[in-house]
Amino acid sequence: KEKVIAASRYRVPEVFLPAENEKDLEEVPESIRENFTFHFVRDIREILDKAFVDA
């Protein structure tokens, strides 16, 4: 929850979160969630694959 709210303050459009925390996203108001694309990952390599897809 705290990471998403911080991302909202800094207008970060995409947020990577641990897959096991997906259920916690329900605590974040919809008015905040609708501004993001969320990626739920199980391993750091998933983040790297998405971050450097066009590198």
C-alpha atoms as a PDB file:
ATOM      1  CA  LYS A   1       0.000   0.000   0.000  1.00  0.00           C
ATOM      2  CA  GLU A   2       2.707   2.481   0.971  1.00  0.00           C
ATOM      3  CA  LYS A   3       4.704   1.880  -2.219  1.00  0.00           C
ATOM      4  CA  VAL A   4       1.686   2.572  -4.402  1.00  0.00           C
ATOM      5  CA  ILE A   5       0.853   5.772  -2.562  1.00  0.00           C
ATOM      6  CA  ALA A   6       4.483   6.916  -2.891  1.00  0.00           C
ATOM      7  CA  ALA A   7       4.417   6.118  -6.618  1.00  0.00           C
ATOM      8  CA  SER A   8       1.281   8.218  -6.874  1.00  0.00           C
ATOM      9  CA  ARG A   9       3.050  11.211  -5.348  1.00  0.00           C
ATOM     10  CA  TYR A  10       5.872  10.948  -7.883  1.00  0.00           C
ATOM     11  CA  ARG A  11       3.602  10.061 -10.817  1.00  0.00           C
ATOM     12  CA  VAL A  12       5.326   6.780 -11.587  1.00  0.00           C
ATOM     13  CA  PRO A  13       3.108   5.112 -14.240  1.00  0.00           C
ATOM     14  CA  GLU A  14       4.128   1.476 -13.686  1.00  0.00           C
ATOM     15  CA  VAL A  15       4.582  -0.320 -10.400  1.00  0.00           C
ATOM     16  CA  PHE A  16       6.248  -3.672  -9.787  1.00  0.00           C
ATOM     17  CA  LEU A  17       5.079  -5.519  -6.708  1.00  0.00           C
ATOM     18  CA  PRO A  18       5.733  -8.978  -5.296  1.00  0.00           C
ATOM     19  CA  ALA A  19       3.069 -11.411  -6.508  1.00  0.00           C
ATOM     20  CA  GLU A  20       2.302 -12.446  -2.945  1.00  0.00           C
ATOM     21  CA  ASN A  21       1.286  -8.850  -2.154  1.00  0.00           C
ATOM     22  CA  GLU A  22      -1.357  -8.633  -4.884  1.00  0.00           C
ATOM     23  CA  LYS A  23      -4.159  -9.091  -2.355  1.00  0.00           C
ATOM     24  CA  ASP A  24      -2.910  -6.057  -0.408  1.00  0.00           C
ATOM     25  CA  LEU A  25      -3.647  -3.822  -3.378  1.00  0.00           C
ATOM     26  CA  GLU A  26      -7.316  -3.946  -2.389  1.00  0.00           C
ATOM     27  CA  GLU A  27      -6.421  -1.580   0.475  1.00  0.00           C
ATOM     28  CA  VAL A  28      -5.452   1.140  -2.016  1.00  0.00           C
ATOM     29  CA  PRO A  29      -8.359   3.310  -3.139  1.00  0.00           C
ATOM     30  CA  GLU A  30      -9.548   2.722  -6.706  1.00  0.00           C
ATOM     31  CA  SER A  31      -9.017   6.417  -7.458  1.00  0.00           C
ATOM     32  CA  ILE A  32      -5.279   5.841  -6.948  1.00  0.00           C
ATOM     33  CA  ARG A  33      -5.062   2.351  -8.509  1.00  0.00           C
ATOM     34  CA  GLU A  34      -6.640   3.460 -11.780  1.00  0.00           C
ATOM     35  CA  ASN A  35      -3.594   5.617 -12.544  1.00  0.00           C
ATOM     36  CA  PHE A  36      -1.151   2.720 -12.718  1.00  0.00           C
ATOM     37  CA  THR A  37      -0.166  -0.363 -14.603  1.00  0.00           C
ATOM     38  CA  PHE A  38       0.722  -3.030 -12.057  1.00  0.00           C
ATOM     39  CA  HIS A  39       3.159  -5.881 -12.625  1.00  0.00           C
ATOM     40  CA  PHE A  40       3.128  -8.660 -10.041  1.00  0.00           C
ATOM     41  CA  VAL A  41       6.396 -10.561 -10.082  1.00  0.00           C
ATOM     42  CA  ARG A  42       7.837 -13.582  -8.334  1.00  0.00           C
ATOM     43  CA  ASP A  43      11.480 -13.004  -9.251  1.00  0.00           C
ATOM     44  CA  ILE A  44      13.723  -9.982  -9.880  1.00  0.00           C
ATOM     45  CA  ARG A  45      14.427 -11.289 -13.385  1.00  0.00           C
ATOM     46  CA  GLU A  46      10.811 -10.621 -14.313  1.00  0.00           C
ATOM     47  CA  ILE A  47      11.361  -6.946 -13.552  1.00  0.00           C
ATOM     48  CA  LEU A  48      14.520  -6.850 -15.640  1.00  0.00           C
ATOM     49  CA  ASP A  49      12.776  -8.572 -18.554  1.00  0.00           C
ATOM     50  CA  LYS A  50       9.999  -5.961 -18.534  1.00  0.00           C
ATOM     51  CA  ALA A  51      12.264  -2.978 -17.876  1.00  0.00           C
ATOM     52  CA  PHE A  52      14.723  -3.776 -20.654  1.00  0.00           C
ATOM     53  CA  VAL A  53      12.402  -5.254 -23.260  1.00  0.00           C
ATOM     54  CA  ASP A  54      13.491  -2.732 -25.924  1.00  0.00           C
ATOM     55  CA  ALA A  55      17.092  -2.284 -24.821  1.00  0.00           C
END
